[in-house]
Amino acid sequence: MPQNEELSDDMLVDPEGRRLKVKKLDFLAESRVMRLLGDASTNQGYVMGYVFPAVSVREIDGEAFAVPSTQKELDAAIIRLGEKAAPLVLQKLLGVTPDDEVDAVKN
């Protein structure tokens, strides 16, 4: 990716240099994912740290991905995203920037 290329508001570049398109789930898709999770849906750390970041990535380097509808697809989405990119996606979903975090620690 050229250094001067602007990213759209729904895009980010992860530590591996991949371009990720992030889209918050709509209400129905979110409910479907929660049903898929079953009892695991009560584990907020798992849902917010792994599941929602992974299912919110709809495209990586131009390759589109659907919202998972099976456990196998969910596992693949988590693996595809990876542990280094997941926090960045969560920040994007929450509208938090690294600068916001630094300011919060300072105060």
N, C-alpha and C. Protein backbone atom coordinates (compact mmCIF):
# COMPACT_ATOMS: atom_id res chain seq x y z
N MET A 1 0.85 -1.18 0.00
CA MET A 1 0.00 0.00 0.00
C MET A 1 0.88 1.23 0.00
N PRO A 2 0.67 2.16 -0.91
CA PRO A 2 1.44 3.39 -0.93
C PRO A 2 1.27 4.14 0.38
N GLN A 3 2.35 4.77 0.85
CA GLN A 3 2.32 5.48 2.12
C GLN A 3 1.31 6.63 2.15
N ASN A 4 1.09 7.28 1.02
CA ASN A 4 0.22 8.45 1.01
C ASN A 4 -1.24 8.11 0.72
N GLU A 5 -1.55 6.83 0.56
CA GLU A 5 -2.93 6.43 0.27
C GLU A 5 -3.77 6.56 1.53
N GLU A 6 -4.88 7.26 1.40
CA GLU A 6 -5.80 7.45 2.53
C GLU A 6 -6.66 6.20 2.70
N LEU A 7 -6.94 5.86 3.93
CA LEU A 7 -7.84 4.76 4.23
C LEU A 7 -9.23 5.30 4.47
N SER A 8 -10.24 4.57 4.03
CA SER A 8 -11.61 4.96 4.33
C SER A 8 -11.85 4.76 5.83
N ASP A 9 -12.93 5.32 6.33
CA ASP A 9 -13.23 5.27 7.76
C ASP A 9 -13.42 3.85 8.28
N ASP A 10 -13.77 2.92 7.40
CA ASP A 10 -14.01 1.55 7.84
C ASP A 10 -12.80 0.63 7.63
N MET A 11 -11.65 1.21 7.34
CA MET A 11 -10.44 0.43 7.07
C MET A 11 -9.37 0.69 8.12
N LEU A 12 -8.52 -0.30 8.30
CA LEU A 12 -7.32 -0.13 9.10
C LEU A 12 -6.24 -1.04 8.55
N VAL A 13 -5.01 -0.75 8.91
CA VAL A 13 -3.88 -1.59 8.52
C VAL A 13 -3.35 -2.24 9.79
N ASP A 14 -3.26 -3.57 9.77
CA ASP A 14 -2.80 -4.28 10.96
C ASP A 14 -1.28 -4.37 10.98
N PRO A 15 -0.69 -4.89 12.07
CA PRO A 15 0.77 -4.97 12.18
C PRO A 15 1.45 -5.78 11.08
N GLU A 16 0.68 -6.66 10.41
CA GLU A 16 1.25 -7.44 9.31
C GLU A 16 1.15 -6.70 7.98
N GLY A 17 0.57 -5.49 7.99
CA GLY A 17 0.43 -4.71 6.78
C GLY A 17 -0.82 -5.04 5.97
N ARG A 18 -1.70 -5.86 6.53
CA ARG A 18 -2.94 -6.21 5.83
C ARG A 18 -3.95 -5.08 5.97
N ARG A 19 -4.72 -4.86 4.91
CA ARG A 19 -5.80 -3.86 4.94
C ARG A 19 -7.09 -4.56 5.34
N LEU A 20 -7.64 -4.17 6.47
CA LEU A 20 -8.84 -4.79 7.01
C LEU A 20 -10.01 -3.83 6.91
N LYS A 21 -11.11 -4.32 6.36
CA LYS A 21 -12.35 -3.54 6.33
C LYS A 21 -13.20 -4.02 7.51
N VAL A 22 -13.55 -3.10 8.38
CA VAL A 22 -14.27 -3.43 9.60
C VAL A 22 -15.67 -2.85 9.53
N LYS A 23 -16.64 -3.68 9.86
CA LYS A 23 -18.04 -3.24 9.87
C LYS A 23 -18.72 -3.80 11.10
N LYS A 24 -19.29 -2.91 11.89
CA LYS A 24 -20.03 -3.34 13.08
C LYS A 24 -21.22 -4.18 12.64
N LEU A 25 -21.49 -5.25 13.39
CA LEU A 25 -22.62 -6.10 13.08
C LEU A 25 -23.93 -5.35 13.28
N ASP A 26 -24.90 -5.63 12.41
CA ASP A 26 -26.23 -5.07 12.66
C ASP A 26 -26.88 -5.91 13.77
N PHE A 27 -28.01 -5.45 14.26
CA PHE A 27 -28.66 -6.06 15.42
C PHE A 27 -28.99 -7.53 15.19
N LEU A 28 -29.51 -7.87 14.02
CA LEU A 28 -29.87 -9.26 13.72
C LEU A 28 -28.63 -10.14 13.64
N ALA A 29 -27.60 -9.67 12.95
CA ALA A 29 -26.36 -10.46 12.83
C ALA A 29 -25.73 -10.68 14.21
N GLU A 30 -25.78 -9.65 15.04
CA GLU A 30 -25.24 -9.78 16.39
C GLU A 30 -26.01 -10.86 17.18
N SER A 31 -27.33 -10.87 17.05
CA SER A 31 -28.12 -11.87 17.77
C SER A 31 -27.82 -13.28 17.25
N ARG A 32 -27.59 -13.41 15.97
CA ARG A 32 -27.25 -14.72 15.40
C ARG A 32 -25.90 -15.23 15.93
N VAL A 33 -24.94 -14.33 16.02
CA VAL A 33 -23.64 -14.71 16.57
C VAL A 33 -23.78 -15.11 18.03
N MET A 34 -24.57 -14.38 18.79
CA MET A 34 -24.76 -14.71 20.21
C MET A 34 -25.42 -16.08 20.36
N ARG A 35 -26.39 -16.39 19.50
CA ARG A 35 -27.02 -17.72 19.54
C ARG A 35 -26.01 -18.80 19.17
N LEU A 36 -25.16 -18.52 18.20
CA LEU A 36 -24.12 -19.46 17.80
C LEU A 36 -23.19 -19.76 18.98
N LEU A 37 -22.89 -18.76 19.78
CA LEU A 37 -21.98 -18.93 20.91
C LEU A 37 -22.59 -19.74 22.05
N GLY A 38 -23.90 -19.73 22.15
CA GLY A 38 -24.55 -20.47 23.23
C GLY A 38 -24.09 -19.95 24.59
N ASP A 39 -23.73 -20.87 25.49
CA ASP A 39 -23.30 -20.48 26.84
C ASP A 39 -22.06 -19.59 26.85
N ALA A 40 -21.23 -19.71 25.83
CA ALA A 40 -20.02 -18.88 25.77
C ALA A 40 -20.35 -17.41 25.59
N SER A 41 -21.58 -17.10 25.20
CA SER A 41 -21.96 -15.69 25.00
C SER A 41 -21.95 -14.90 26.31
N THR A 42 -21.94 -15.59 27.45
CA THR A 42 -21.89 -14.90 28.74
C THR A 42 -20.46 -14.54 29.14
N ASN A 43 -19.47 -15.03 28.41
CA ASN A 43 -18.08 -14.74 28.69
C ASN A 43 -17.68 -13.47 27.95
N GLN A 44 -17.80 -12.33 28.63
CA GLN A 44 -17.58 -11.03 28.00
C GLN A 44 -16.16 -10.88 27.43
N GLY A 45 -15.17 -11.42 28.12
CA GLY A 45 -13.80 -11.33 27.62
C GLY A 45 -13.63 -12.04 26.29
N TYR A 46 -14.23 -13.22 26.18
CA TYR A 46 -14.17 -13.98 24.93
C TYR A 46 -14.93 -13.27 23.81
N VAL A 47 -16.13 -12.81 24.13
CA VAL A 47 -16.97 -12.15 23.12
C VAL A 47 -16.31 -10.88 22.62
N MET A 48 -15.83 -10.03 23.53
CA MET A 48 -15.27 -8.74 23.12
C MET A 48 -13.82 -8.85 22.64
N GLY A 49 -13.07 -9.80 23.16
CA GLY A 49 -11.66 -9.91 22.79
C GLY A 49 -11.38 -10.75 21.56
N TYR A 50 -12.29 -11.68 21.28
CA TYR A 50 -12.07 -12.60 20.16
C TYR A 50 -13.19 -12.55 19.12
N VAL A 51 -14.41 -12.78 19.60
CA VAL A 51 -15.52 -12.99 18.68
C VAL A 51 -15.88 -11.74 17.89
N PHE A 52 -16.26 -10.66 18.58
CA PHE A 52 -16.72 -9.48 17.85
C PHE A 52 -15.64 -8.88 16.94
N PRO A 53 -14.38 -8.79 17.37
CA PRO A 53 -13.37 -8.32 16.41
C PRO A 53 -13.29 -9.21 15.18
N ALA A 54 -13.31 -10.53 15.38
CA ALA A 54 -13.15 -11.45 14.25
C ALA A 54 -14.33 -11.40 13.28
N VAL A 55 -15.55 -11.35 13.81
CA VAL A 55 -16.72 -11.36 12.92
C VAL A 55 -16.98 -10.00 12.30
N SER A 56 -16.34 -8.96 12.80
CA SER A 56 -16.53 -7.62 12.26
C SER A 56 -15.60 -7.31 11.10
N VAL A 57 -14.60 -8.15 10.88
CA VAL A 57 -13.70 -7.97 9.74
C VAL A 57 -14.38 -8.59 8.53
N ARG A 58 -14.77 -7.75 7.59
CA ARG A 58 -15.53 -8.22 6.43
C ARG A 58 -14.66 -8.38 5.20
N GLU A 59 -13.43 -7.86 5.28
CA GLU A 59 -12.55 -7.94 4.11
C GLU A 59 -11.11 -7.81 4.58
N ILE A 60 -10.23 -8.62 3.99
CA ILE A 60 -8.80 -8.50 4.24
C ILE A 60 -8.11 -8.47 2.89
N ASP A 61 -7.40 -7.37 2.64
CA ASP A 61 -6.69 -7.18 1.37
C ASP A 61 -7.59 -7.45 0.17
N GLY A 62 -8.83 -7.01 0.25
CA GLY A 62 -9.76 -7.13 -0.86
C GLY A 62 -10.55 -8.43 -0.92
N GLU A 63 -10.21 -9.39 -0.07
CA GLU A 63 -10.95 -10.66 -0.03
C GLU A 63 -12.08 -10.54 0.99
N ALA A 64 -13.31 -10.72 0.53
CA ALA A 64 -14.49 -10.53 1.38
C ALA A 64 -14.79 -11.78 2.20
N PHE A 65 -15.35 -11.54 3.39
CA PHE A 65 -15.74 -12.62 4.29
C PHE A 65 -17.14 -12.35 4.83
N ALA A 66 -17.96 -13.39 4.89
CA ALA A 66 -19.30 -13.27 5.46
C ALA A 66 -19.23 -13.43 6.97
N VAL A 67 -20.29 -13.01 7.64
CA VAL A 67 -20.39 -13.23 9.08
C VAL A 67 -20.52 -14.74 9.29
N PRO A 68 -19.70 -15.30 10.17
CA PRO A 68 -19.75 -16.75 10.41
C PRO A 68 -21.12 -17.21 10.90
N SER A 69 -21.50 -18.40 10.46
CA SER A 69 -22.77 -18.97 10.92
C SER A 69 -22.60 -20.35 11.57
N THR A 70 -21.35 -20.82 11.62
CA THR A 70 -21.06 -22.09 12.28
C THR A 70 -19.84 -21.90 13.17
N GLN A 71 -19.65 -22.80 14.11
CA GLN A 71 -18.48 -22.72 14.99
C GLN A 71 -17.18 -22.83 14.19
N LYS A 72 -17.19 -23.68 13.18
CA LYS A 72 -15.99 -23.84 12.33
C LYS A 72 -15.65 -22.53 11.62
N GLU A 73 -16.66 -21.84 11.10
CA GLU A 73 -16.43 -20.55 10.44
C GLU A 73 -15.98 -19.49 11.44
N LEU A 74 -16.53 -19.52 12.65
CA LEU A 74 -16.11 -18.57 13.68
C LEU A 74 -14.65 -18.81 14.06
N ASP A 75 -14.28 -20.05 14.26
CA ASP A 75 -12.89 -20.38 14.58
C ASP A 75 -11.95 -19.91 13.47
N ALA A 76 -12.36 -20.10 12.22
CA ALA A 76 -11.54 -19.65 11.08
C ALA A 76 -11.39 -18.13 11.08
N ALA A 77 -12.45 -17.42 11.42
CA ALA A 77 -12.40 -15.95 11.46
C ALA A 77 -11.45 -15.47 12.56
N ILE A 78 -11.48 -16.13 13.71
CA ILE A 78 -10.58 -15.76 14.82
C ILE A 78 -9.13 -16.03 14.41
N ILE A 79 -8.87 -17.17 13.82
CA ILE A 79 -7.51 -17.50 13.38
C ILE A 79 -7.04 -16.52 12.31
N ARG A 80 -7.91 -16.23 11.35
CA ARG A 80 -7.58 -15.33 10.24
C ARG A 80 -7.21 -13.94 10.77
N LEU A 81 -7.96 -13.44 11.74
CA LEU A 81 -7.67 -12.11 12.28
C LEU A 81 -6.36 -12.10 13.05
N GLY A 82 -6.18 -13.02 13.96
CA GLY A 82 -4.94 -13.11 14.73
C GLY A 82 -4.91 -12.19 15.93
N GLU A 83 -4.04 -12.54 16.88
CA GLU A 83 -4.00 -11.84 18.16
C GLU A 83 -3.45 -10.42 18.08
N LYS A 84 -2.63 -10.13 17.10
CA LYS A 84 -2.08 -8.77 17.00
C LYS A 84 -3.07 -7.79 16.41
N ALA A 85 -3.94 -8.26 15.52
CA ALA A 85 -4.90 -7.37 14.88
C ALA A 85 -6.18 -7.20 15.69
N ALA A 86 -6.53 -8.19 16.51
CA ALA A 86 -7.80 -8.15 17.24
C ALA A 86 -7.97 -6.89 18.09
N PRO A 87 -6.95 -6.46 18.86
CA PRO A 87 -7.14 -5.24 19.66
C PRO A 87 -7.37 -4.00 18.80
N LEU A 88 -6.73 -3.95 17.63
CA LEU A 88 -6.92 -2.80 16.74
C LEU A 88 -8.35 -2.75 16.21
N VAL A 89 -8.88 -3.92 15.87
CA VAL A 89 -10.26 -3.98 15.37
C VAL A 89 -11.23 -3.58 16.48
N LEU A 90 -10.99 -4.05 17.70
CA LEU A 90 -11.86 -3.69 18.81
C LEU A 90 -11.82 -2.18 19.05
N GLN A 91 -10.64 -1.59 19.00
CA GLN A 91 -10.53 -0.14 19.15
C GLN A 91 -11.35 0.57 18.07
N LYS A 92 -11.26 0.08 16.86
CA LYS A 92 -12.01 0.67 15.74
C LYS A 92 -13.52 0.57 16.00
N LEU A 93 -13.97 -0.60 16.46
CA LEU A 93 -15.39 -0.80 16.74
C LEU A 93 -15.89 0.12 17.85
N LEU A 94 -15.04 0.35 18.84
CA LEU A 94 -15.41 1.18 19.98
C LEU A 94 -15.16 2.66 19.75
N GLY A 95 -14.51 2.98 18.64
CA GLY A 95 -14.22 4.38 18.34
C GLY A 95 -13.12 4.96 19.21
N VAL A 96 -12.21 4.08 19.65
CA VAL A 96 -11.11 4.50 20.52
C VAL A 96 -9.83 4.50 19.69
N THR A 97 -9.01 5.52 19.88
CA THR A 97 -7.72 5.56 19.20
C THR A 97 -6.62 5.34 20.23
N PRO A 98 -5.43 4.93 19.78
CA PRO A 98 -4.32 4.78 20.73
C PRO A 98 -4.05 6.07 21.51
N ASP A 99 -4.24 7.22 20.87
CA ASP A 99 -4.05 8.50 21.57
C ASP A 99 -5.04 8.67 22.70
N ASP A 100 -6.29 8.21 22.51
CA ASP A 100 -7.30 8.27 23.57
C ASP A 100 -6.85 7.46 24.77
N GLU A 101 -6.27 6.30 24.52
CA GLU A 101 -5.81 5.44 25.62
C GLU A 101 -4.68 6.09 26.39
N VAL A 102 -3.74 6.72 25.68
CA VAL A 102 -2.62 7.40 26.34
C VAL A 102 -3.16 8.53 27.20
N ASP A 103 -4.11 9.31 26.67
CA ASP A 103 -4.70 10.41 27.44
C ASP A 103 -5.40 9.89 28.69
N ALA A 104 -6.09 8.75 28.59
CA ALA A 104 -6.82 8.20 29.74
C ALA A 104 -5.83 7.78 30.82
N VAL A 105 -4.69 7.21 30.43
CA VAL A 105 -3.68 6.80 31.41
C VAL A 105 -3.07 8.01 32.08
N LYS A 106 -2.84 9.08 31.34
CA LYS A 106 -2.26 10.29 31.90
C LYS A 106 -3.17 10.93 32.93
N ASN A 107 -4.48 10.86 32.70
CA ASN A 107 -5.43 11.51 33.61
C ASN A 107 -5.70 10.58 34.72
